[in-house]
Amino acid sequence: MTPEDRLPQVVRKLQEQGIMFAVVGGFAARYYRNDSRDTKDVDIAIDDMVSPAEFAKRFVESFGLNARTARKADLEGGTLFAVKNKSTPE
C-alpha cells in the first residue's frame, strides 16, 4: 500500500480522535504547487499535546508501520553532524 493509498485511513483516524493536524512535506507540496515531485512518504504535523512524540509513535505503529523521530534541528535546518572534542584523557 502506498502512502497516498493509506492517507485517507490516517486522516479519518486523526479526525475521529479530534486531533488537529496538517499534511506537510513533499507530498503536500506536490498538491499546493501543482508539482510532479515524487515522494515515498507522507509527513504529518500533529498539534502540540502532552506527549506528542509518544502519541505519534503509537499512532504510526497502529498501522503496522515503523516510526522515526526527527530532531528539532532537522526541522529547523540545523547541523546534522557535529565533531566534538573529547574532554577526558585516553
N, C-alpha and C. Protein backbone atom coordinates (compact mmCIF):
# COMPACT_ATOMS: atom_id res chain seq x y z
N MET A 1 0.85 -1.18 0.00
CA MET A 1 0.00 0.00 0.00
C MET A 1 0.90 1.24 0.00
N THR A 2 0.63 2.16 -0.89
CA THR A 2 1.43 3.38 -0.97
C THR A 2 1.00 4.38 0.10
N PRO A 3 1.86 5.35 0.41
CA PRO A 3 1.46 6.39 1.38
C PRO A 3 0.18 7.11 0.94
N GLU A 4 0.04 7.35 -0.35
CA GLU A 4 -1.15 8.04 -0.86
C GLU A 4 -2.41 7.19 -0.64
N ASP A 5 -2.28 5.86 -0.77
CA ASP A 5 -3.41 4.97 -0.53
C ASP A 5 -3.80 4.95 0.95
N ARG A 6 -2.80 5.04 1.82
CA ARG A 6 -3.06 4.95 3.26
C ARG A 6 -3.53 6.27 3.87
N LEU A 7 -3.26 7.40 3.21
CA LEU A 7 -3.57 8.71 3.77
C LEU A 7 -5.03 8.86 4.21
N PRO A 8 -6.03 8.43 3.43
CA PRO A 8 -7.42 8.58 3.89
C PRO A 8 -7.69 7.87 5.22
N GLN A 9 -7.06 6.71 5.44
CA GLN A 9 -7.23 5.99 6.71
C GLN A 9 -6.64 6.80 7.86
N VAL A 10 -5.46 7.35 7.62
CA VAL A 10 -4.78 8.14 8.66
C VAL A 10 -5.60 9.38 8.99
N VAL A 11 -6.06 10.08 7.98
CA VAL A 11 -6.86 11.30 8.18
C VAL A 11 -8.13 10.97 8.95
N ARG A 12 -8.79 9.91 8.56
CA ARG A 12 -10.04 9.51 9.24
C ARG A 12 -9.76 9.22 10.72
N LYS A 13 -8.70 8.50 11.01
CA LYS A 13 -8.37 8.16 12.40
C LYS A 13 -8.04 9.40 13.22
N LEU A 14 -7.29 10.33 12.64
CA LEU A 14 -6.97 11.58 13.34
C LEU A 14 -8.24 12.39 13.61
N GLN A 15 -9.11 12.47 12.62
CA GLN A 15 -10.36 13.22 12.79
C GLN A 15 -11.26 12.58 13.85
N GLU A 16 -11.33 11.25 13.86
CA GLU A 16 -12.15 10.55 14.86
C GLU A 16 -11.69 10.86 16.27
N GLN A 17 -10.38 11.05 16.44
CA GLN A 17 -9.82 11.33 17.76
C GLN A 17 -9.77 12.83 18.06
N GLY A 18 -10.27 13.67 17.14
CA GLY A 18 -10.31 15.11 17.36
C GLY A 18 -8.95 15.75 17.40
N ILE A 19 -8.00 15.21 16.66
CA ILE A 19 -6.62 15.70 16.69
C ILE A 19 -6.39 16.66 15.53
N MET A 20 -5.85 17.83 15.86
CA MET A 20 -5.51 18.82 14.84
C MET A 20 -4.22 18.40 14.15
N PHE A 21 -4.19 18.48 12.83
CA PHE A 21 -3.02 18.04 12.09
C PHE A 21 -2.95 18.76 10.75
N ALA A 22 -1.81 18.63 10.10
CA ALA A 22 -1.64 19.17 8.74
C ALA A 22 -0.73 18.21 7.98
N VAL A 23 -1.06 17.96 6.72
CA VAL A 23 -0.19 17.19 5.85
C VAL A 23 0.86 18.17 5.33
N VAL A 24 2.14 17.83 5.49
CA VAL A 24 3.24 18.73 5.14
C VAL A 24 4.26 17.97 4.30
N GLY A 25 5.34 18.63 3.95
CA GLY A 25 6.44 17.98 3.23
C GLY A 25 6.19 17.87 1.74
N GLY A 26 6.95 16.99 1.11
CA GLY A 26 6.91 16.83 -0.34
C GLY A 26 5.54 16.43 -0.86
N PHE A 27 4.85 15.59 -0.11
CA PHE A 27 3.52 15.14 -0.54
C PHE A 27 2.56 16.32 -0.63
N ALA A 28 2.55 17.17 0.39
CA ALA A 28 1.68 18.35 0.38
C ALA A 28 2.11 19.34 -0.69
N ALA A 29 3.42 19.52 -0.84
CA ALA A 29 3.94 20.47 -1.84
C ALA A 29 3.51 20.09 -3.24
N ARG A 30 3.42 18.81 -3.48
CA ARG A 30 3.01 18.33 -4.80
C ARG A 30 1.63 18.88 -5.18
N TYR A 31 0.73 18.98 -4.21
CA TYR A 31 -0.61 19.49 -4.49
C TYR A 31 -0.69 21.01 -4.49
N TYR A 32 -0.02 21.63 -3.54
CA TYR A 32 -0.07 23.09 -3.44
C TYR A 32 0.64 23.77 -4.60
N ARG A 33 1.70 23.17 -5.07
CA ARG A 33 2.49 23.78 -6.14
C ARG A 33 2.19 23.20 -7.51
N ASN A 34 1.26 22.22 -7.57
CA ASN A 34 0.99 21.52 -8.81
C ASN A 34 2.31 20.98 -9.38
N ASP A 35 3.07 20.34 -8.50
CA ASP A 35 4.42 19.86 -8.78
C ASP A 35 4.37 18.34 -8.99
N SER A 36 5.22 17.84 -9.83
CA SER A 36 5.24 16.39 -10.08
C SER A 36 6.26 15.69 -9.19
N ARG A 37 6.64 16.31 -8.11
CA ARG A 37 7.63 15.77 -7.18
C ARG A 37 7.20 14.38 -6.69
N ASP A 38 8.14 13.43 -6.73
CA ASP A 38 7.87 12.07 -6.28
C ASP A 38 8.39 11.92 -4.86
N THR A 39 7.57 11.38 -3.99
CA THR A 39 7.98 11.15 -2.60
C THR A 39 7.51 9.78 -2.18
N LYS A 40 8.22 9.19 -1.26
CA LYS A 40 7.88 7.84 -0.82
C LYS A 40 7.25 7.84 0.58
N ASP A 41 6.96 9.03 1.12
CA ASP A 41 6.35 9.08 2.44
C ASP A 41 5.38 10.25 2.51
N VAL A 42 4.62 10.28 3.58
CA VAL A 42 3.71 11.39 3.85
C VAL A 42 4.09 11.93 5.23
N ASP A 43 4.38 13.22 5.29
CA ASP A 43 4.73 13.87 6.55
C ASP A 43 3.49 14.54 7.11
N ILE A 44 3.22 14.30 8.40
CA ILE A 44 2.05 14.88 9.05
C ILE A 44 2.51 15.59 10.31
N ALA A 45 2.18 16.87 10.43
CA ALA A 45 2.46 17.64 11.64
C ALA A 45 1.23 17.54 12.54
N ILE A 46 1.48 17.16 13.80
CA ILE A 46 0.40 16.97 14.77
C ILE A 46 0.45 18.10 15.78
N ASP A 47 -0.73 18.65 16.11
CA ASP A 47 -0.81 19.74 17.09
C ASP A 47 -0.19 19.32 18.41
N ASP A 48 0.34 20.29 19.13
CA ASP A 48 1.02 20.05 20.39
C ASP A 48 0.11 19.36 21.40
N MET A 49 0.63 18.34 22.05
CA MET A 49 -0.10 17.58 23.06
C MET A 49 0.79 17.37 24.27
N VAL A 50 0.30 16.64 25.24
CA VAL A 50 1.09 16.36 26.43
C VAL A 50 2.37 15.62 26.05
N SER A 51 2.27 14.59 25.23
CA SER A 51 3.43 13.82 24.79
C SER A 51 3.31 13.54 23.30
N PRO A 52 3.56 14.54 22.46
CA PRO A 52 3.34 14.36 21.03
C PRO A 52 4.21 13.28 20.41
N ALA A 53 5.44 13.14 20.86
CA ALA A 53 6.33 12.13 20.27
C ALA A 53 5.80 10.72 20.54
N GLU A 54 5.39 10.48 21.77
CA GLU A 54 4.88 9.15 22.12
C GLU A 54 3.56 8.88 21.39
N PHE A 55 2.68 9.88 21.33
CA PHE A 55 1.42 9.72 20.60
C PHE A 55 1.69 9.38 19.14
N ALA A 56 2.56 10.15 18.51
CA ALA A 56 2.85 9.94 17.09
C ALA A 56 3.41 8.55 16.85
N LYS A 57 4.31 8.11 17.73
CA LYS A 57 4.90 6.78 17.59
C LYS A 57 3.82 5.70 17.67
N ARG A 58 2.97 5.76 18.67
CA ARG A 58 1.89 4.77 18.83
C ARG A 58 0.93 4.83 17.64
N PHE A 59 0.61 6.04 17.19
CA PHE A 59 -0.33 6.21 16.09
C PHE A 59 0.22 5.57 14.81
N VAL A 60 1.46 5.87 14.48
CA VAL A 60 2.09 5.31 13.28
C VAL A 60 2.17 3.79 13.39
N GLU A 61 2.56 3.29 14.55
CA GLU A 61 2.68 1.84 14.74
C GLU A 61 1.33 1.14 14.70
N SER A 62 0.23 1.86 14.98
CA SER A 62 -1.10 1.24 14.92
C SER A 62 -1.47 0.83 13.49
N PHE A 63 -0.75 1.35 12.50
CA PHE A 63 -0.96 0.98 11.10
C PHE A 63 0.04 -0.10 10.66
N GLY A 64 0.82 -0.61 11.61
CA GLY A 64 1.82 -1.63 11.29
C GLY A 64 3.05 -1.06 10.62
N LEU A 65 3.31 0.24 10.82
CA LEU A 65 4.45 0.91 10.20
C LEU A 65 5.51 1.22 11.24
N ASN A 66 6.73 1.51 10.79
CA ASN A 66 7.81 1.91 11.68
C ASN A 66 7.81 3.42 11.85
N ALA A 67 8.04 3.88 13.07
CA ALA A 67 8.08 5.31 13.35
C ALA A 67 9.52 5.76 13.53
N ARG A 68 9.87 6.90 12.94
CA ARG A 68 11.18 7.51 13.15
C ARG A 68 10.95 8.92 13.68
N THR A 69 11.89 9.39 14.47
CA THR A 69 11.76 10.71 15.09
C THR A 69 12.70 11.70 14.42
N ALA A 70 12.18 12.87 14.09
CA ALA A 70 13.01 13.96 13.55
C ALA A 70 13.40 14.86 14.71
N ARG A 71 14.68 15.26 14.73
CA ARG A 71 15.14 16.17 15.77
C ARG A 71 14.70 17.59 15.43
N LYS A 72 14.58 18.42 16.43
CA LYS A 72 14.21 19.82 16.23
C LYS A 72 15.19 20.48 15.25
N ALA A 73 16.48 20.16 15.36
CA ALA A 73 17.49 20.73 14.47
C ALA A 73 17.23 20.32 13.02
N ASP A 74 16.74 19.10 12.80
CA ASP A 74 16.42 18.66 11.45
C ASP A 74 15.33 19.54 10.84
N LEU A 75 14.32 19.85 11.64
CA LEU A 75 13.19 20.62 11.15
C LEU A 75 13.54 22.09 10.93
N GLU A 76 14.51 22.57 11.69
CA GLU A 76 14.91 23.98 11.58
C GLU A 76 16.11 24.17 10.68
N GLY A 77 16.57 23.09 10.02
CA GLY A 77 17.72 23.20 9.14
C GLY A 77 19.04 23.30 9.88
N GLY A 78 19.06 22.77 11.11
CA GLY A 78 20.28 22.84 11.92
C GLY A 78 21.34 21.85 11.47
N THR A 79 22.41 21.83 12.21
CA THR A 79 23.54 20.96 11.91
C THR A 79 23.13 19.50 12.06
N LEU A 80 23.44 18.71 11.03
CA LEU A 80 23.12 17.30 11.09
C LEU A 80 24.24 16.49 11.75
N PHE A 81 25.47 16.94 11.59
CA PHE A 81 26.62 16.24 12.17
C PHE A 81 27.48 17.24 12.91
N ALA A 82 28.08 16.79 13.99
CA ALA A 82 28.96 17.68 14.75
C ALA A 82 30.21 16.91 15.16
N VAL A 83 31.33 17.58 15.14
CA VAL A 83 32.59 16.99 15.61
C VAL A 83 32.84 17.61 16.97
N LYS A 84 33.01 16.76 17.96
CA LYS A 84 33.21 17.24 19.33
C LYS A 84 34.58 16.80 19.81
N ASN A 85 35.21 17.67 20.59
CA ASN A 85 36.49 17.30 21.21
C ASN A 85 36.21 16.44 22.42
N LYS A 86 37.00 15.40 22.56
CA LYS A 86 36.85 14.53 23.72
C LYS A 86 37.41 15.25 24.94
N SER A 87 36.65 15.33 26.03
CA SER A 87 37.10 16.10 27.18
C SER A 87 37.84 15.27 28.22
N THR A 88 37.87 13.95 28.05
CA THR A 88 38.59 13.13 29.01
C THR A 88 39.83 12.53 28.34
N PRO A 89 40.93 12.43 29.11
CA PRO A 89 42.16 11.86 28.53
C PRO A 89 41.95 10.37 28.20
N GLU A 90 42.72 9.89 27.21
CA GLU A 90 42.58 8.49 26.82
C GLU A 90 43.38 7.59 27.68
